[in-house]
Amino acid sequence: MSLIALLPLVFFSCSKELTPIGLGLVEDVDLLSMGYTDTVKLVAYSIPDDSVYTRNLNINNVHYIQVGSMYDPVFGKTTSNLYSQLFLTSARTRFGTSPVFDSAFLYLNYKGAYGDTLSNMTFHVYNLTEDIVDSLTSYSYSTVSYDPDPIGEITFQPKPHDSAYYGGAKQSPTLRIPINSKFGNRVLGISDTNSLNTNAGFVKEFKGICIIADLQNTPGKGSIVTFKMPGDYIKLQMFYHNNPDSAKSYNFAISTGCSRFQNYNHNGYAEAIPILKQQLAGNTGLGEQFLFAQGLGGTKIKIKFPYLDKWFDNEKIIVNDAQLIIGNSSVSTVFPNPGYLSLHGVGENGTTSPYSIIDENDPAGYFDGTYNSTANNYRFRITRYIQQVLLGKERNTGLHLIIPSSNVNSSRLILNGTSSPQSDLKLYLRYTKLR
């Protein structure tokens, strides 16, 4: 069955009214003719994305963690797991004489979820058996070993917008994971109290925890859940006593100062639909039909203009307006496309350049890249970039279309290809030829 039969396609049109800019740069006497074209040759195809930096994730100084597993019917399986140190919340911590563990809970404050939140999910919490070393565990492929006997687990449906009730009061949306006596007995049984004086000493004794999601095996089910760090830390609260009448509690913390990282796994796109797997394997011609991008270090789209730098040989050209229009192919409420996209240059080794193309420095909103739900497309103005390519000041190595903030963004995108009957993946170019 073709992808067209699998995806809800939306037909759309786009305006060819382009904003002329650049005419003020030349005198009227220099103008020879105005030109317009939408037939610039484009080549586009999906490729694996680079691994993404996931150490101590934060956006605008708000810290996040992500845990979950989803089975996208097009992209296949994706999992996200957390590995983190656990800190003390007071110096020279002491638990008194003969402490006895009562209970404990790990509190994760919801930020949101991507995917099917009506699916049951299971999270397991484990003790780490290997140190987290920042220089070795900063990227999405990283992992460290852990004790396979869990210290906590929960099966639930994500409710990122529903209030929680515990401690006799209404709370903000929170997932509360029960932690068992294996954890409590481990920390209460630390004999060398020097390990409880500082966090540096504590992480040598107790290396941290990881939160691992069970793999989702049903197509269309599962989600990646995002949690935010309230205040300075996420708490693991332990209750204990020293005698029957001395109920006490202590908070451990996943804090901004902890070393932590995310592991993202797309299972090699083994469950993805054939056209996506074949593109990732090198069949670039299939990009004429459909194109695919996914966050969390998944896939991105390479766009090339193979003949652009030769098109106006021996002619002087002023590019007045260049708009790249990209048509969305699938509208899904469960796996929605992102609200905006990013467009970057290609580095010398083929990786995505960390630097924006020159047009992104233009006034806010002009470069664009936002999703137009009415036209069901995205638009980028790349006038200055195209001009630089024509002048030989920019290498014509193409562009990478990526999911923005891919290290924390779970979104995916399906686009019409360059030769799709519904395609509007085109470069609309208005220019002026000079004498």
Protein backbone atom coordinates (compact mmCIF):
# COMPACT_ATOMS: atom_id res chain seq x y z
CA MET A 1 0.00 0.00 0.00
CA SER A 2 1.36 3.46 -0.85
CA LEU A 3 2.02 6.14 1.72
CA ILE A 4 -0.78 8.14 0.14
CA ALA A 5 -3.20 5.49 1.30
CA LEU A 6 -1.73 5.56 4.77
CA LEU A 7 -1.69 9.28 5.44
CA PRO A 8 -4.40 11.93 5.45
CA LEU A 9 -3.31 14.23 2.65
CA VAL A 10 -4.40 17.82 2.56
CA PHE A 11 -4.46 19.69 -0.73
CA PHE A 12 -3.58 23.32 -0.60
CA SER A 13 -2.47 26.26 -2.70
CA CYS A 14 -0.02 29.02 -1.98
CA SER A 15 0.17 32.62 -2.97
CA LYS A 16 2.82 33.67 -5.44
CA GLU A 17 2.67 37.28 -4.35
CA LEU A 18 6.25 37.99 -3.39
CA THR A 19 7.47 41.05 -1.60
CA PRO A 20 9.97 42.87 -3.81
CA ILE A 21 13.03 43.92 -1.85
CA GLY A 22 16.37 45.03 -3.09
CA LEU A 23 15.11 47.30 -5.89
CA GLY A 24 16.23 50.31 -3.90
CA LEU A 25 19.80 49.12 -4.26
CA VAL A 26 20.04 50.02 -7.93
CA GLU A 27 19.29 53.01 -10.11
CA ASP A 28 16.44 52.82 -12.63
CA VAL A 29 18.88 53.18 -15.49
CA ASP A 30 20.60 49.96 -14.44
CA LEU A 31 17.48 47.88 -14.62
CA LEU A 32 17.30 45.61 -17.60
CA SER A 33 14.42 43.30 -16.75
CA MET A 34 12.44 41.78 -13.92
CA GLY A 35 12.32 38.01 -13.77
CA TYR A 36 10.27 35.44 -11.92
CA THR A 37 10.53 31.67 -11.72
CA ASP A 38 9.23 28.77 -9.68
CA THR A 39 11.09 26.10 -11.65
CA VAL A 40 14.40 26.10 -9.79
CA LYS A 41 15.55 22.47 -9.55
CA LEU A 42 15.25 21.10 -6.01
CA VAL A 43 16.53 17.81 -4.66
CA ALA A 44 15.39 16.76 -1.20
CA TYR A 45 15.56 13.59 0.87
CA SER A 46 15.52 12.39 4.48
CA ILE A 47 18.74 11.59 6.34
CA PRO A 48 19.60 10.58 9.91
CA ASP A 49 19.98 13.54 12.24
CA ASP A 50 23.10 14.17 14.28
CA SER A 51 23.15 12.96 17.89
CA VAL A 52 21.89 15.76 20.14
CA TYR A 53 23.33 17.25 23.30
CA THR A 54 21.17 16.19 26.25
CA ARG A 55 23.20 16.97 29.36
CA ASN A 56 21.19 19.00 31.89
CA LEU A 57 18.47 19.94 29.38
CA ASN A 58 17.09 23.43 29.75
CA ILE A 59 15.39 26.02 27.58
CA ASN A 60 15.54 29.64 28.72
CA ASN A 61 16.85 28.40 32.09
CA VAL A 62 13.84 26.13 32.64
CA HIS A 63 15.11 22.59 33.20
CA TYR A 64 13.34 19.56 31.73
CA ILE A 65 13.46 15.80 31.77
CA GLN A 66 11.72 13.48 29.29
CA VAL A 67 10.69 9.88 29.74
CA GLY A 68 8.43 7.70 27.62
CA SER A 69 7.97 5.37 24.69
CA MET A 70 5.79 5.78 21.60
CA TYR A 71 5.14 3.78 18.44
CA ASP A 72 4.46 6.20 15.63
CA PRO A 73 2.75 4.31 12.75
CA VAL A 74 5.06 6.05 10.24
CA PHE A 75 8.33 6.55 12.14
CA GLY A 76 8.21 3.47 14.36
CA LYS A 77 9.38 3.22 17.97
CA THR A 78 10.99 6.02 19.98
CA THR A 79 12.02 5.86 23.63
CA SER A 80 13.39 8.48 26.00
CA ASN A 81 15.03 7.60 29.32
CA LEU A 82 16.64 9.69 32.07
CA TYR A 83 19.91 9.10 33.93
CA SER A 84 20.67 11.43 36.82
CA GLN A 85 22.68 11.93 39.96
CA LEU A 86 20.74 12.40 43.18
CA PHE A 87 21.79 15.18 45.55
CA LEU A 88 21.35 15.82 49.25
CA THR A 89 19.36 18.92 50.22
CA SER A 90 21.33 19.74 53.35
CA ALA A 91 24.97 19.60 54.39
CA ARG A 92 26.10 17.07 56.98
CA THR A 93 22.92 15.03 56.65
CA ARG A 94 22.26 12.60 59.48
CA PHE A 95 19.40 10.12 59.89
CA GLY A 96 19.83 9.46 63.61
CA THR A 97 20.09 6.23 65.53
CA SER A 98 18.72 3.02 63.99
CA PRO A 99 16.62 4.71 61.26
CA VAL A 100 13.81 2.61 59.78
CA PHE A 101 12.44 3.21 56.28
CA ASP A 102 8.68 3.79 55.97
CA SER A 103 8.00 4.97 52.38
CA ALA A 104 9.24 7.23 49.62
CA PHE A 105 7.96 8.93 46.48
CA LEU A 106 9.56 10.54 43.43
CA TYR A 107 7.56 13.60 42.32
CA LEU A 108 7.69 14.60 38.64
CA ASN A 109 5.86 17.80 37.66
CA TYR A 110 4.23 17.58 34.24
CA LYS A 111 5.08 20.00 31.44
CA GLY A 112 3.34 18.17 28.59
CA ALA A 113 3.26 15.03 26.47
CA TYR A 114 3.61 14.15 22.79
CA GLY A 115 1.67 11.18 21.44
CA ASP A 116 -1.29 9.18 22.69
CA THR A 117 -1.84 10.06 26.37
CA LEU A 118 -4.69 7.54 26.64
CA SER A 119 -2.20 4.67 26.41
CA ASN A 120 -0.98 2.94 29.55
CA MET A 121 2.71 3.45 30.22
CA THR A 122 5.09 1.88 32.73
CA PHE A 123 8.12 3.64 34.21
CA HIS A 124 10.77 1.84 36.26
CA VAL A 125 13.29 3.54 38.57
CA TYR A 126 16.68 1.89 39.10
CA ASN A 127 19.87 2.54 41.08
CA LEU A 128 22.87 3.38 38.90
CA THR A 129 25.93 1.16 39.23
CA GLU A 130 28.20 3.37 37.10
CA ASP A 131 29.32 6.96 37.58
CA ILE A 132 27.89 9.68 35.36
CA VAL A 133 30.92 11.36 33.77
CA ASP A 134 29.92 14.55 31.97
CA SER A 135 32.59 14.25 29.30
CA LEU A 136 31.33 10.77 28.37
CA THR A 137 27.56 11.14 28.79
CA SER A 138 26.55 14.40 27.16
CA TYR A 139 24.78 13.11 24.03
CA SER A 140 21.58 11.28 23.21
CA TYR A 141 23.32 7.96 22.46
CA SER A 142 24.84 7.82 25.98
CA THR A 143 23.94 5.31 28.67
CA VAL A 144 25.38 3.98 31.94
CA SER A 145 24.77 0.69 33.72
CA TYR A 146 22.19 0.16 36.46
CA ASP A 147 20.98 -2.50 38.87
CA PRO A 148 18.14 -4.34 37.06
CA ASP A 149 16.17 -4.78 40.31
CA PRO A 150 13.92 -1.66 40.40
CA ILE A 151 13.58 0.63 43.38
CA GLY A 152 10.27 1.95 42.07
CA GLU A 153 7.73 1.60 39.27
CA ILE A 154 4.34 2.81 38.15
CA THR A 155 1.83 2.05 35.39
CA PHE A 156 -0.29 5.05 34.46
CA GLN A 157 -1.87 7.22 31.77
CA PRO A 158 -0.16 10.63 31.44
CA LYS A 159 -2.36 13.47 32.68
CA PRO A 160 -0.29 16.61 32.09
CA HIS A 161 -3.26 18.92 32.57
CA ASP A 162 -5.02 17.28 35.54
CA SER A 163 -4.39 18.31 39.13
CA ALA A 164 -2.98 15.71 41.50
CA TYR A 165 -4.13 14.99 45.05
CA TYR A 166 -1.70 13.89 47.76
CA GLY A 167 -0.68 15.06 51.21
CA GLY A 168 -4.31 15.95 51.84
CA ALA A 169 -4.30 18.76 49.29
CA LYS A 170 -4.76 19.57 45.61
CA GLN A 171 -1.44 19.81 43.77
CA SER A 172 -0.27 20.92 40.33
CA PRO A 173 -0.23 18.14 37.68
CA THR A 174 2.29 15.65 39.05
CA LEU A 175 3.30 12.04 38.55
CA ARG A 176 4.09 10.44 41.93
CA ILE A 177 6.17 7.25 41.67
CA PRO A 178 6.34 5.00 44.78
CA ILE A 179 9.91 4.15 45.79
CA ASN A 180 10.48 0.92 47.70
CA SER A 181 12.55 -0.15 50.69
CA LYS A 182 15.54 -1.15 48.56
CA PHE A 183 16.29 2.53 48.09
CA GLY A 184 15.48 3.46 51.70
CA ASN A 185 17.57 0.70 53.23
CA ARG A 186 20.43 1.57 50.89
CA VAL A 187 20.70 5.22 51.92
CA LEU A 188 19.77 4.71 55.57
CA GLY A 189 22.39 2.00 55.77
CA ILE A 190 25.32 4.19 54.70
CA SER A 191 27.87 3.57 57.45
CA ASP A 192 30.44 6.20 56.52
CA THR A 193 28.72 9.43 57.53
CA ASN A 194 31.40 11.41 55.67
CA SER A 195 29.48 10.39 52.54
CA LEU A 196 26.52 12.41 53.85
CA ASN A 197 28.47 15.63 54.44
CA THR A 198 28.58 16.86 50.82
CA ASN A 199 27.06 16.01 47.46
CA ALA A 200 30.50 15.18 46.11
CA GLY A 201 30.82 12.51 48.80
CA PHE A 202 27.24 11.29 48.40
CA VAL A 203 27.47 10.63 44.62
CA LYS A 204 30.55 8.51 45.23
CA GLU A 205 28.50 6.36 47.59
CA PHE A 206 25.18 6.52 45.71
CA LYS A 207 25.76 7.08 42.00
CA GLY A 208 22.21 8.12 41.09
CA ILE A 209 19.04 6.80 39.49
CA CYS A 210 17.58 6.24 36.06
CA ILE A 211 13.96 6.27 34.92
CA ILE A 212 13.32 3.75 32.13
CA ALA A 213 10.09 3.44 30.15
CA ASP A 214 8.74 0.09 28.98
CA LEU A 215 8.91 -0.21 25.21
CA GLN A 216 5.62 0.54 23.44
CA ASN A 217 4.78 -2.27 21.00
CA THR A 218 1.37 -1.18 19.65
CA PRO A 219 1.36 1.14 16.59
CA GLY A 220 -0.26 4.49 17.29
CA LYS A 221 0.15 4.16 21.06
CA GLY A 222 2.42 5.65 23.70
CA SER A 223 3.90 9.08 24.29
CA ILE A 224 7.00 10.96 25.34
CA VAL A 225 6.25 12.80 28.59
CA THR A 226 8.04 16.03 29.50
CA PHE A 227 8.48 17.04 33.12
CA LYS A 228 9.77 20.39 34.36
CA MET A 229 11.93 21.12 37.34
CA PRO A 230 9.90 23.16 39.86
CA GLY A 231 12.04 25.72 41.66
CA ASP A 232 15.52 24.34 42.21
CA TYR A 233 14.88 20.61 42.12
CA ILE A 234 12.71 17.56 41.54
CA LYS A 235 12.30 15.81 44.86
CA LEU A 236 12.48 12.24 46.01
CA GLN A 237 10.89 12.39 49.47
CA MET A 238 11.69 9.64 51.96
CA PHE A 239 9.76 8.98 55.17
CA TYR A 240 11.43 7.15 58.08
CA HIS A 241 11.48 6.91 61.86
CA ASN A 242 13.97 6.26 64.66
CA ASN A 243 11.39 5.06 67.16
CA PRO A 244 7.63 4.51 66.84
CA ASP A 245 6.85 8.12 67.73
CA SER A 246 9.44 9.93 65.63
CA ALA A 247 8.09 10.17 62.07
CA LYS A 248 10.54 12.09 59.92
CA SER A 249 11.11 12.90 56.27
CA TYR A 250 14.02 13.89 54.07
CA ASN A 251 14.15 15.23 50.49
CA PHE A 252 16.71 14.07 47.98
CA ALA A 253 16.98 16.15 44.80
CA ILE A 254 17.41 15.98 41.06
CA SER A 255 18.61 19.57 40.90
CA THR A 256 20.07 21.99 38.38
CA GLY A 257 23.48 21.15 39.83
CA CYS A 258 23.14 17.40 39.28
CA SER A 259 24.79 15.77 36.31
CA ARG A 260 22.02 14.20 34.26
CA PHE A 261 21.40 13.26 30.64
CA GLN A 262 18.77 11.81 28.31
CA ASN A 263 19.09 8.72 26.17
CA TYR A 264 16.99 8.77 22.98
CA ASN A 265 16.52 5.61 20.92
CA HIS A 266 14.64 5.30 17.61
CA ASN A 267 15.41 1.57 17.35
CA GLY A 268 17.25 2.18 14.10
CA TYR A 269 13.89 2.98 12.47
CA ALA A 270 13.37 -0.77 12.18
CA GLU A 271 9.58 -0.35 12.46
CA ALA A 272 9.34 2.68 10.16
CA ILE A 273 7.41 2.46 6.89
CA PRO A 274 9.52 1.24 3.90
CA ILE A 275 9.84 4.58 2.10
CA LEU A 276 11.37 6.19 5.20
CA LYS A 277 13.73 3.29 5.89
CA GLN A 278 14.85 3.27 2.27
CA GLN A 279 15.61 7.00 2.27
CA LEU A 280 17.66 6.65 5.46
CA ALA A 281 19.51 3.77 3.79
CA GLY A 282 20.53 6.05 0.91
CA ASN A 283 17.72 5.89 -1.67
CA THR A 284 17.56 9.66 -2.10
CA GLY A 285 15.26 9.47 -5.13
CA LEU A 286 12.34 8.55 -2.88
CA GLY A 287 12.42 12.12 -1.59
CA GLU A 288 10.44 12.97 -4.72
CA GLN A 289 7.42 11.35 -3.01
CA PHE A 290 7.58 12.16 0.71
CA LEU A 291 10.02 13.63 3.21
CA PHE A 292 10.39 12.93 6.93
CA ALA A 293 11.82 14.75 9.95
CA GLN A 294 11.67 13.80 13.63
CA GLY A 295 13.01 15.38 16.79
CA LEU A 296 15.09 13.83 19.59
CA GLY A 297 17.99 13.33 17.19
CA GLY A 298 15.89 11.32 14.74
CA THR A 299 15.81 12.45 11.10
CA LYS A 300 16.17 15.68 9.14
CA ILE A 301 15.71 16.73 5.52
CA LYS A 302 18.50 17.71 3.14
CA ILE A 303 17.45 20.29 0.51
CA LYS A 304 19.75 21.06 -2.42
CA PHE A 305 19.62 23.49 -5.35
CA PRO A 306 22.09 21.63 -7.58
CA TYR A 307 22.27 24.08 -10.49
CA LEU A 308 21.58 27.36 -8.73
CA ASP A 309 25.16 28.66 -8.67
CA LYS A 310 25.47 28.01 -12.42
CA TRP A 311 22.05 29.26 -13.43
CA PHE A 312 22.99 32.89 -13.96
CA ASP A 313 26.55 32.45 -15.18
CA ASN A 314 28.01 35.67 -16.61
CA GLU A 315 24.94 37.67 -15.59
CA LYS A 316 24.53 40.23 -12.83
CA ILE A 317 21.52 39.38 -10.70
CA ILE A 318 19.80 41.12 -7.81
CA VAL A 319 17.56 38.73 -5.91
CA ASN A 320 14.50 40.70 -4.88
CA ASP A 321 12.68 37.92 -3.08
CA ALA A 322 13.20 34.19 -2.59
CA GLN A 323 10.63 32.11 -0.76
CA LEU A 324 10.94 28.41 -0.02
CA ILE A 325 7.44 26.94 0.38
CA ILE A 326 7.15 23.55 2.07
CA GLY A 327 3.87 21.62 2.01
CA ASN A 328 2.80 19.54 5.01
CA SER A 329 1.50 16.09 4.03
CA SER A 330 -0.02 14.72 7.23
CA VAL A 331 -2.25 16.40 9.78
CA SER A 332 -2.47 14.35 12.97
CA THR A 333 -3.96 15.17 16.35
CA VAL A 334 -2.02 12.37 18.06
CA PHE A 335 1.37 13.04 16.46
CA PRO A 336 1.05 16.71 15.41
CA ASN A 337 3.57 18.52 13.23
CA PRO A 338 5.64 21.25 14.93
CA GLY A 339 4.51 24.85 15.03
CA TYR A 340 7.68 26.01 13.30
CA LEU A 341 10.81 24.61 11.65
CA SER A 342 14.48 25.53 11.49
CA LEU A 343 16.65 25.88 8.41
CA HIS A 344 20.43 25.62 8.73
CA GLY A 345 23.40 25.46 6.44
CA VAL A 346 25.41 22.29 5.89
CA GLY A 347 28.90 22.06 7.38
CA GLU A 348 31.94 20.86 5.49
CA ASN A 349 31.62 17.33 6.88
CA GLY A 350 27.92 17.14 6.02
CA THR A 351 26.64 17.81 9.52
CA THR A 352 24.17 20.56 10.35
CA SER A 353 25.88 23.89 10.84
CA PRO A 354 25.33 25.31 14.35
CA TYR A 355 24.90 28.72 12.75
CA SER A 356 21.71 30.11 11.23
CA ILE A 357 21.65 31.15 7.60
CA ILE A 358 22.01 34.86 7.04
CA ASP A 359 18.29 35.55 6.53
CA GLU A 360 17.42 34.47 10.05
CA ASN A 361 19.07 37.67 11.27
CA ASP A 362 16.43 39.75 9.50
CA PRO A 363 13.66 41.44 11.54
CA ALA A 364 11.43 39.13 13.56
CA GLY A 365 8.88 37.28 11.45
CA TYR A 366 10.48 38.04 8.09
CA PHE A 367 12.49 34.81 7.86
CA ASP A 368 9.35 32.96 9.04
CA GLY A 369 9.38 29.15 9.25
CA THR A 370 6.07 29.00 11.13
CA TYR A 371 3.26 26.62 10.25
CA ASN A 372 0.36 28.13 8.30
CA SER A 373 -2.60 25.95 9.23
CA THR A 374 -4.84 27.51 6.58
CA ALA A 375 -2.46 26.76 3.70
CA ASN A 376 -1.05 23.69 5.50
CA ASN A 377 2.51 24.72 4.76
CA TYR A 378 5.66 26.41 6.02
CA ARG A 379 7.44 29.34 4.40
CA PHE A 380 11.03 30.55 4.62
CA ARG A 381 12.33 33.77 3.07
CA ILE A 382 15.92 32.99 2.03
CA THR A 383 16.57 35.97 -0.24
CA ARG A 384 19.98 36.89 1.13
CA TYR A 385 21.14 33.26 1.24
CA ILE A 386 20.28 32.76 -2.46
CA GLN A 387 22.02 36.03 -3.35
CA GLN A 388 25.17 34.89 -1.49
CA VAL A 389 25.17 31.57 -3.39
CA LEU A 390 24.88 33.40 -6.73
CA LEU A 391 27.74 35.69 -5.77
CA GLY A 392 29.91 32.75 -4.76
CA LYS A 393 30.08 33.98 -1.16
CA GLU A 394 28.14 30.98 0.14
CA ARG A 395 28.93 27.39 -0.79
CA ASN A 396 26.08 25.71 -2.63
CA THR A 397 26.04 22.67 -0.35
CA GLY A 398 22.34 22.87 0.45
CA LEU A 399 20.33 23.28 3.62
CA HIS A 400 19.11 21.11 6.45
CA LEU A 401 15.46 21.37 7.44
CA ILE A 402 15.20 20.26 11.07
CA ILE A 403 12.80 20.03 13.98
CA PRO A 404 13.81 22.98 16.21
CA SER A 405 15.21 22.29 19.69
CA SER A 406 15.58 18.66 18.62
CA ASN A 407 17.23 17.76 21.92
CA VAL A 408 13.91 18.31 23.72
CA ASN A 409 11.30 18.34 20.92
CA SER A 410 9.48 15.04 20.26
CA SER A 411 7.57 16.28 17.19
CA ARG A 412 7.65 14.67 13.77
CA LEU A 413 6.92 15.96 10.28
CA ILE A 414 5.84 14.43 6.97
CA LEU A 415 6.17 16.62 3.89
CA ASN A 416 5.18 16.30 0.26
CA GLY A 417 8.19 15.41 -1.86
CA THR A 418 9.65 17.37 -4.74
CA SER A 419 7.57 15.53 -7.37
CA SER A 420 4.46 14.77 -5.32
CA PRO A 421 1.14 15.59 -7.05
CA GLN A 422 0.25 17.58 -3.94
CA SER A 423 3.68 19.12 -3.65
CA ASP A 424 4.44 22.73 -3.08
CA LEU A 425 8.08 22.18 -2.16
CA LYS A 426 9.35 24.92 -4.40
CA LEU A 427 11.58 27.93 -4.48
CA TYR A 428 9.72 31.00 -5.70
CA LEU A 429 12.25 33.49 -6.99
CA ARG A 430 11.89 37.09 -8.14
CA TYR A 431 15.01 38.77 -9.45
CA THR A 432 16.36 41.66 -11.46
CA LYS A 433 18.92 41.34 -14.27
CA LEU A 434 21.40 44.19 -14.47
CA ARG A 435 23.34 45.43 -17.45
